[in-house]
C-alpha atoms as a PDB file:
ATOM      1  CA  MET A   1       0.000   0.000   0.000  1.00  0.00           C
ATOM      2  CA  ARG A   2       2.819   2.379   0.880  1.00  0.00           C
ATOM      3  CA  PHE A   3       4.553   1.682  -2.450  1.00  0.00           C
ATOM      4  CA  SER A   4       1.282   2.279  -4.312  1.00  0.00           C
ATOM      5  CA  ARG A   5       0.909   5.695  -2.730  1.00  0.00           C
ATOM      6  CA  LEU A   6       4.536   6.515  -3.482  1.00  0.00           C
ATOM      7  CA  PHE A   7       4.159   5.335  -7.080  1.00  0.00           C
ATOM      8  CA  ALA A   8       1.108   7.572  -7.549  1.00  0.00           C
ATOM      9  CA  ALA A   9       3.008  10.532  -6.132  1.00  0.00           C
ATOM     10  CA  VAL A  10       5.914   9.856  -8.484  1.00  0.00           C
ATOM     11  CA  LEU A  11       3.592   9.851 -11.482  1.00  0.00           C
ATOM     12  CA  LEU A  12       2.232  13.215 -10.411  1.00  0.00           C
ATOM     13  CA  VAL A  13       5.792  14.564 -10.187  1.00  0.00           C
ATOM     14  CA  GLY A  14       6.492  13.270 -13.697  1.00  0.00           C
ATOM     15  CA  MET A  15       3.286  14.710 -15.101  1.00  0.00           C
ATOM     16  CA  ALA A  16       4.171  18.124 -13.713  1.00  0.00           C
ATOM     17  CA  GLY A  17       6.816  18.546 -16.411  1.00  0.00           C
ATOM     18  CA  CYS A  18      10.394  17.686 -17.283  1.00  0.00           C
ATOM     19  CA  THR A  19      12.004  20.597 -15.501  1.00  0.00           C
ATOM     20  CA  THR A  20      11.923  21.658 -11.879  1.00  0.00           C
ATOM     21  CA  MET A  21      12.935  25.234 -12.661  1.00  0.00           C
ATOM     22  CA  PRO A  22      10.168  27.749 -11.888  1.00  0.00           C
ATOM     23  CA  ALA A  23       8.811  29.689 -14.838  1.00  0.00           C
ATOM     24  CA  PRO A  24      10.531  33.075 -15.273  1.00  0.00           C
ATOM     25  CA  GLU A  25       7.291  35.008 -14.887  1.00  0.00           C
ATOM     26  CA  THR A  26       7.097  33.836 -11.264  1.00  0.00           C
ATOM     27  CA  ARG A  27      10.410  35.543 -10.514  1.00  0.00           C
ATOM     28  CA  HIS A  28       9.681  39.203 -11.284  1.00  0.00           C
ATOM     29  CA  SER A  29      11.587  41.133  -8.617  1.00  0.00           C
ATOM     30  CA  GLY A  30      10.772  44.756  -9.376  1.00  0.00           C
ATOM     31  CA  PHE A  31      14.226  45.567 -10.767  1.00  0.00           C
ATOM     32  CA  LEU A  32      12.578  46.226 -14.139  1.00  0.00           C
ATOM     33  CA  ASN A  33       9.887  48.890 -14.220  1.00  0.00           C
ATOM     34  CA  ASP A  34       7.456  47.044 -16.494  1.00  0.00           C
ATOM     35  CA  TYR A  35       7.058  43.299 -17.051  1.00  0.00           C
ATOM     36  CA  SER A  36       3.848  43.431 -19.071  1.00  0.00           C
ATOM     37  CA  ARG A  37       5.636  43.483 -22.441  1.00  0.00           C
ATOM     38  CA  LEU A  38       7.843  40.441 -21.815  1.00  0.00           C
ATOM     39  CA  THR A  39       7.261  37.320 -23.873  1.00  0.00           C
ATOM     40  CA  LYS A  40       8.722  33.804 -23.796  1.00  0.00           C
ATOM     41  CA  ASP A  41      12.103  33.608 -25.464  1.00  0.00           C
ATOM     42  CA  PRO A  42      12.169  30.747 -28.001  1.00  0.00           C
ATOM     43  CA  GLN A  43      15.967  30.650 -28.089  1.00  0.00           C
ATOM     44  CA  TRP A  44      16.748  30.526 -24.368  1.00  0.00           C
ATOM     45  CA  PRO A  45      14.499  28.328 -22.200  1.00  0.00           C
ATOM     46  CA  GLN A  46      13.459  29.764 -18.844  1.00  0.00           C
ATOM     47  CA  SER A  47      13.766  33.280 -20.193  1.00  0.00           C
ATOM     48  CA  GLU A  48      11.504  36.184 -21.107  1.00  0.00           C
ATOM     49  CA  TYR A  49      12.464  39.195 -23.166  1.00  0.00           C
ATOM     50  CA  TRP A  50      11.315  42.393 -24.829  1.00  0.00           C
ATOM     51  CA  VAL A  51      12.999  44.433 -27.565  1.00  0.00           C
ATOM     52  CA  LYS A  52      11.895  47.901 -28.638  1.00  0.00           C
ATOM     53  CA  PRO A  53       9.843  47.527 -31.838  1.00  0.00           C
ATOM     54  CA  SER A  54      11.684  48.581 -34.995  1.00  0.00           C
ATOM     55  CA  LEU A  55      14.969  48.862 -33.102  1.00  0.00           C
ATOM     56  CA  GLU A  56      17.833  49.009 -35.613  1.00  0.00           C
ATOM     57  CA  ILE A  57      20.732  48.596 -33.256  1.00  0.00           C
ATOM     58  CA  LYS A  58      23.378  48.130 -35.948  1.00  0.00           C
ATOM     59  CA  GLN A  59      22.441  51.416 -37.619  1.00  0.00           C
ATOM     60  CA  SER A  60      22.218  53.387 -34.384  1.00  0.00           C
ATOM     61  CA  TYR A  61      24.999  52.064 -32.164  1.00  0.00           C
ATOM     62  CA  GLN A  62      28.598  50.964 -32.225  1.00  0.00           C
ATOM     63  CA  LYS A  63      29.554  47.677 -30.566  1.00  0.00           C
ATOM     64  CA  ARG A  64      30.318  49.571 -27.414  1.00  0.00           C
ATOM     65  CA  ILE A  65      29.001  48.724 -23.958  1.00  0.00           C
ATOM     66  CA  TYR A  66      28.948  50.699 -20.754  1.00  0.00           C
ATOM     67  CA  LEU A  67      28.379  48.182 -17.956  1.00  0.00           C
ATOM     68  CA  GLU A  68      26.886  49.333 -14.690  1.00  0.00           C
ATOM     69  CA  SER A  69      28.119  47.265 -11.755  1.00  0.00           C
ATOM     70  CA  PRO A  70      25.781  44.264 -11.280  1.00  0.00           C
ATOM     71  CA  ARG A  71      23.386  44.570  -8.359  1.00  0.00           C
ATOM     72  CA  LEU A  72      21.751  42.230  -5.893  1.00  0.00           C
ATOM     73  CA  TYR A  73      18.018  42.969  -6.034  1.00  0.00           C
ATOM     74  CA  VAL A  74      16.139  40.516  -3.858  1.00  0.00           C
ATOM     75  CA  THR A  75      13.837  40.128  -0.912  1.00  0.00           C
ATOM     76  CA  GLY A  76      14.691  37.788   1.949  1.00  0.00           C
ATOM     77  CA  LYS A  77      12.409  35.002   0.771  1.00  0.00           C
ATOM     78  CA  ASP A  78      14.209  34.857  -2.574  1.00  0.00           C
ATOM     79  CA  LEU A  79      17.619  34.083  -1.086  1.00  0.00           C
ATOM     80  CA  ASP A  80      19.236  30.690  -0.745  1.00  0.00           C
ATOM     81  CA  GLN A  81      21.798  30.456   2.028  1.00  0.00           C
ATOM     82  CA  THR A  82      24.440  30.848  -0.691  1.00  0.00           C
ATOM     83  CA  MET A  83      23.678  34.557  -1.021  1.00  0.00           C
ATOM     84  CA  LYS A  84      23.066  35.540   2.604  1.00  0.00           C
ATOM     85  CA  SER A  85      26.720  36.133   3.453  1.00  0.00           C
ATOM     86  CA  PRO A  86      27.843  39.658   2.501  1.00  0.00           C
ATOM     87  CA  ALA A  87      31.242  38.277   1.492  1.00  0.00           C
ATOM     88  CA  ASP A  88      29.661  35.641  -0.756  1.00  0.00           C
ATOM     89  CA  THR A  89      27.316  38.202  -2.269  1.00  0.00           C
ATOM     90  CA  ALA A  90      30.238  40.483  -3.071  1.00  0.00           C
ATOM     91  CA  ALA A  91      32.135  37.544  -4.597  1.00  0.00           C
ATOM     92  CA  MET A  92      29.138  36.608  -6.785  1.00  0.00           C
ATOM     93  CA  LEU A  93      28.641  40.155  -8.036  1.00  0.00           C
ATOM     94  CA  ASN A  94      32.332  40.597  -8.776  1.00  0.00           C
ATOM     95  CA  TYR A  95      32.464  37.244 -10.582  1.00  0.00           C
ATOM     96  CA  LEU A  96      29.393  38.169 -12.639  1.00  0.00           C
ATOM     97  CA  LYS A  97      30.920  41.508 -13.638  1.00  0.00           C
ATOM     98  CA  GLN A  98      34.141  39.833 -14.738  1.00  0.00           C
ATOM     99  CA  ALA A  99      32.205  37.142 -16.635  1.00  0.00           C
ATOM    100  CA  ILE A 100      30.196  39.785 -18.533  1.00  0.00           C
ATOM    101  CA  LEU A 101      33.337  41.793 -19.313  1.00  0.00           C
ATOM    102  CA  TYR A 102      35.094  38.668 -20.547  1.00  0.00           C
ATOM    103  CA  GLN A 103      32.206  37.745 -22.852  1.00  0.00           C
ATOM    104  CA  PHE A 104      32.004  41.163 -24.490  1.00  0.00           C
ATOM    105  CA  LEU A 105      35.700  41.981 -24.625  1.00  0.00           C
ATOM    106  CA  THR A 106      36.599  38.648 -26.239  1.00  0.00           C
ATOM    107  CA  SER A 107      33.802  38.999 -28.797  1.00  0.00           C
ATOM    108  CA  GLY A 108      34.813  42.269 -30.430  1.00  0.00           C
ATOM    109  CA  TYR A 109      32.996  44.772 -28.205  1.00  0.00           C
ATOM    110  CA  GLU A 110      34.536  47.841 -26.640  1.00  0.00           C
ATOM    111  CA  VAL A 111      33.694  48.383 -22.973  1.00  0.00           C
ATOM    112  CA  THR A 112      33.715  52.057 -21.979  1.00  0.00           C
ATOM    113  CA  THR A 113      34.342  53.543 -18.542  1.00  0.00           C
ATOM    114  CA  ARG A 114      31.508  56.078 -18.781  1.00  0.00           C
ATOM    115  CA  PRO A 115      28.310  56.615 -20.813  1.00  0.00           C
ATOM    116  CA  GLU A 116      29.140  57.870 -24.290  1.00  0.00           C
ATOM    117  CA  PRO A 117      27.243  58.587 -27.559  1.00  0.00           C
ATOM    118  CA  ASP A 118      26.447  55.593 -29.770  1.00  0.00           C
ATOM    119  CA  THR A 119      26.984  53.325 -26.754  1.00  0.00           C
ATOM    120  CA  LEU A 120      24.731  50.780 -25.089  1.00  0.00           C
ATOM    121  CA  LEU A 121      24.166  50.876 -21.332  1.00  0.00           C
ATOM    122  CA  LEU A 122      23.775  47.434 -19.739  1.00  0.00           C
ATOM    123  CA  ARG A 123      22.117  47.167 -16.309  1.00  0.00           C
ATOM    124  CA  THR A 124      22.058  43.761 -14.603  1.00  0.00           C
ATOM    125  CA  ALA A 125      20.873  42.255 -11.346  1.00  0.00           C
ATOM    126  CA  ILE A 126      20.897  38.933  -9.548  1.00  0.00           C
ATOM    127  CA  THR A 127      17.344  38.684  -8.286  1.00  0.00           C
ATOM    128  CA  GLY A 128      17.319  35.409  -6.359  1.00  0.00           C
ATOM    129  CA  SER A 129      18.626  31.916  -5.838  1.00  0.00           C
ATOM    130  CA  GLU A 130      17.241  28.615  -4.626  1.00  0.00           C
ATOM    131  CA  ARG A 131      17.942  24.908  -4.570  1.00  0.00           C
ATOM    132  CA  THR A 132      15.555  22.676  -6.487  1.00  0.00           C
ATOM    133  CA  PRO A 133      15.618  18.960  -7.428  1.00  0.00           C
ATOM    134  CA  ARG A 134      17.870  18.625 -10.438  1.00  0.00           C
ATOM    135  CA  ASP A 135      16.230  18.170 -13.821  1.00  0.00           C
ATOM    136  CA  PRO A 136      15.878  14.561 -15.023  1.00  0.00           C
ATOM    137  CA  SER A 137      18.691  13.040 -17.033  1.00  0.00           C
ATOM    138  CA  THR A 138      17.851  11.289 -20.318  1.00  0.00           C
ATOM    139  CA  PRO A 139      17.386   7.768 -18.801  1.00  0.00           C
ATOM    140  CA  GLU A 140      14.954   9.198 -16.277  1.00  0.00           C
ATOM    141  CA  TYR A 141      12.523  10.109 -19.043  1.00  0.00           C
ATOM    142  CA  LEU A 142      11.910   6.379 -19.469  1.00  0.00           C
ATOM    143  CA  PRO A 143       9.043   5.126 -17.279  1.00  0.00           C
ATOM    144  CA  ILE A 144      11.146   3.068 -14.847  1.00  0.00           C
ATOM    145  CA  GLY A 145      13.780   5.793 -14.721  1.00  0.00           C
ATOM    146  CA  MET A 146      11.109   8.362 -13.944  1.00  0.00           C
ATOM    147  CA  VAL A 147       9.850   6.216 -11.098  1.00  0.00           C
ATOM    148  CA  VAL A 148      13.314   5.753  -9.632  1.00  0.00           C
ATOM    149  CA  GLY A 149      14.145   9.449  -9.968  1.00  0.00           C
ATOM    150  CA  GLY A 150      10.812  10.423  -8.451  1.00  0.00           C
ATOM    151  CA  VAL A 151      11.294   8.110  -5.505  1.00  0.00           C
ATOM    152  CA  MET A 152      14.735   9.642  -4.911  1.00  0.00           C
ATOM    153  CA  GLN A 153      13.192  13.112  -4.978  1.00  0.00           C
ATOM    154  CA  LEU A 154      10.422  12.227  -2.550  1.00  0.00           C
ATOM    155  CA  THR A 155      12.776  10.468  -0.144  1.00  0.00           C
ATOM    156  CA  GLY A 156      15.288  13.329  -0.130  1.00  0.00           C
ATOM    157  CA  THR A 157      18.164  11.513  -1.844  1.00  0.00           C
ATOM    158  CA  ARG A 158      17.995  13.086  -5.302  1.00  0.00           C
ATOM    159  CA  ASP A 159      20.702  15.617  -6.134  1.00  0.00           C
ATOM    160  CA  GLU A 160      19.670  19.259  -6.219  1.00  0.00           C
ATOM    161  CA  SER A 161      20.566  22.106  -8.570  1.00  0.00           C
ATOM    162  CA  LEU A 162      21.421  25.636  -7.560  1.00  0.00           C
ATOM    163  CA  ARG A 163      19.276  28.041  -9.592  1.00  0.00           C
ATOM    164  CA  ILE A 164      20.188  31.681 -10.024  1.00  0.00           C
ATOM    165  CA  TYR A 165      17.713  34.284 -11.303  1.00  0.00           C
ATOM    166  CA  PHE A 166      18.619  37.410 -13.226  1.00  0.00           C
ATOM    167  CA  GLU A 167      17.118  40.501 -14.815  1.00  0.00           C
ATOM    168  CA  SER A 168      18.689  42.926 -17.272  1.00  0.00           C
ATOM    169  CA  GLU A 169      17.942  45.916 -19.418  1.00  0.00           C
ATOM    170  CA  MET A 170      19.725  47.653 -22.258  1.00  0.00           C
ATOM    171  CA  ARG A 171      19.421  51.413 -22.658  1.00  0.00           C
ATOM    172  CA  ASP A 172      20.873  54.199 -24.731  1.00  0.00           C
ATOM    173  CA  ALA A 173      23.900  55.221 -22.671  1.00  0.00           C
ATOM    174  CA  THR A 174      23.353  58.966 -23.031  1.00  0.00           C
ATOM    175  CA  SER A 175      19.579  59.426 -23.359  1.00  0.00           C
ATOM    176  CA  GLY A 176      18.558  56.528 -21.117  1.00  0.00           C
ATOM    177  CA  GLU A 177      15.990  55.322 -23.650  1.00  0.00           C
ATOM    178  CA  LEU A 178      14.952  51.728 -22.911  1.00  0.00           C
ATOM    179  CA  LEU A 179      15.883  49.348 -25.741  1.00  0.00           C
ATOM    180  CA  ALA A 180      15.528  45.807 -24.370  1.00  0.00           C
ATOM    181  CA  GLN A 181      14.779  43.803 -21.209  1.00  0.00           C
ATOM    182  CA  SER A 182      15.096  40.209 -20.105  1.00  0.00           C
ATOM    183  CA  VAL A 183      14.338  37.895 -17.174  1.00  0.00           C
ATOM    184  CA  SER A 184      16.300  34.648 -17.017  1.00  0.00           C
ATOM    185  CA  ALA A 185      17.197  31.649 -14.868  1.00  0.00           C
ATOM    186  CA  THR A 186      20.299  29.509 -15.200  1.00  0.00           C
ATOM    187  CA  THR A 187      21.689  26.530 -13.309  1.00  0.00           C
ATOM    188  CA  GLY A 188      24.825  26.238 -11.205  1.00  0.00           C
ATOM    189  CA  ASN A 189      26.402  23.118  -9.765  1.00  0.00           C
ATOM    190  CA  GLU A 190      24.540  20.023  -8.660  1.00  0.00           C
ATOM    191  CA  LEU A 191      24.574  19.388  -4.923  1.00  0.00           C
ATOM    192  CA  SER A 192      23.648  16.517  -2.671  1.00  0.00           C
ATOM    193  CA  PRO A 193      20.698  17.380  -0.390  1.00  0.00           C
ATOM    194  CA  SER A 194      22.969  17.385   2.662  1.00  0.00           C
ATOM    195  CA  ALA A 195      25.697  19.552   1.113  1.00  0.00           C
ATOM    196  CA  THR A 196      26.085  23.220   1.961  1.00  0.00           C
ATOM    197  CA  ALA A 197      26.206  25.351  -1.168  1.00  0.00           C
ATOM    198  CA  LYS A 198      29.345  27.408  -1.655  1.00  0.00           C
ATOM    199  CA  VAL A 199      29.572  30.621  -3.622  1.00  0.00           C
ATOM    200  CA  GLU A 200      31.628  28.774  -6.235  1.00  0.00           C
ATOM    201  CA  ASP A 201      28.592  26.596  -6.967  1.00  0.00           C
ATOM    202  CA  SER A 202      26.895  29.649  -8.488  1.00  0.00           C
ATOM    203  CA  TYR A 203      29.697  30.398 -10.945  1.00  0.00           C
ATOM    204  CA  PRO A 204      28.517  28.095 -13.803  1.00  0.00           C
ATOM    205  CA  ALA A 205      25.144  29.872 -13.685  1.00  0.00           C
ATOM    206  CA  LEU A 206      26.809  33.285 -13.790  1.00  0.00           C
ATOM    207  CA  ASP A 207      28.975  32.225 -16.740  1.00  0.00           C
ATOM    208  CA  ALA A 208      25.913  30.915 -18.592  1.00  0.00           C
ATOM    209  CA  TRP A 209      23.984  34.133 -18.113  1.00  0.00           C
ATOM    210  CA  ALA A 210      26.921  36.332 -19.120  1.00  0.00           C
ATOM    211  CA  ARG A 211      27.188  34.291 -22.316  1.00  0.00           C
ATOM    212  CA  GLN A 212      23.452  34.671 -22.896  1.00  0.00           C
ATOM    213  CA  LEU A 213      23.709  38.467 -22.592  1.00  0.00           C
ATOM    214  CA  ARG A 214      26.504  38.595 -25.128  1.00  0.00           C
ATOM    215  CA  GLU A 215      24.692  36.233 -27.512  1.00  0.00           C
ATOM    216  CA  ARG A 216      21.600  38.447 -27.350  1.00  0.00           C
ATOM    217  CA  ALA A 217      23.734  41.433 -28.339  1.00  0.00           C
ATOM    218  CA  ASP A 218      25.377  39.423 -31.128  1.00  0.00           C
ATOM    219  CA  LYS A 219      21.971  38.462 -32.465  1.00  0.00           C
ATOM    220  CA  ALA A 220      20.794  42.078 -32.435  1.00  0.00           C
ATOM    221  CA  PHE A 221      23.878  43.334 -34.269  1.00  0.00           C
ATOM    222  CA  ALA A 222      23.568  40.527 -36.822  1.00  0.00           C
ATOM    223  CA  GLN A 223      20.155  41.754 -37.955  1.00  0.00           C
ATOM    224  CA  PRO A 224      20.303  43.430 -41.395  1.00  0.00           C
END
């Protein structure tokens, strides 16, 4: 009887979807002024975005970026223990800044030290973190694998993933005109349920988001 109840619970977990990452629209922090225009991004899962209609970025701007220092913009309930230490928070923000600089500088962009004409202003924020059961691996999509993975999740033995949530906006560096916005979530290291997350466990997520920001800019500049 106990196994039957557990089996039914596992099936419900499986039917809930193939990812444990919350939808991006549930993570709006208030860092962006308006979320009503955001739509699902078909290129980057777990991401929403908006681009100013008829924006011709290649005709209006050089490949120059002024990067504001990344911010932490969260409420207490949106923080995993990883981000509650001031030292760890400072380390995450510094790592994110360096990751963004690396992505743009190694991809042909100039990074300026102050807002200048024909330059894009990039504002970024880490808006939360949490630990969730890791997403299923390929074998776990098979029925027996799904059952085993679900049982591990329900009994507290399944590995967890560290999720980091972000928001960004691109503006004209001199006029402040809003050009684009995004809300995203990326995944850091996998952790055992009993392990204490370290700040280094967030770094893969920060690298992934920095790369996503640069790829968005590349895509915009590639438009005819």
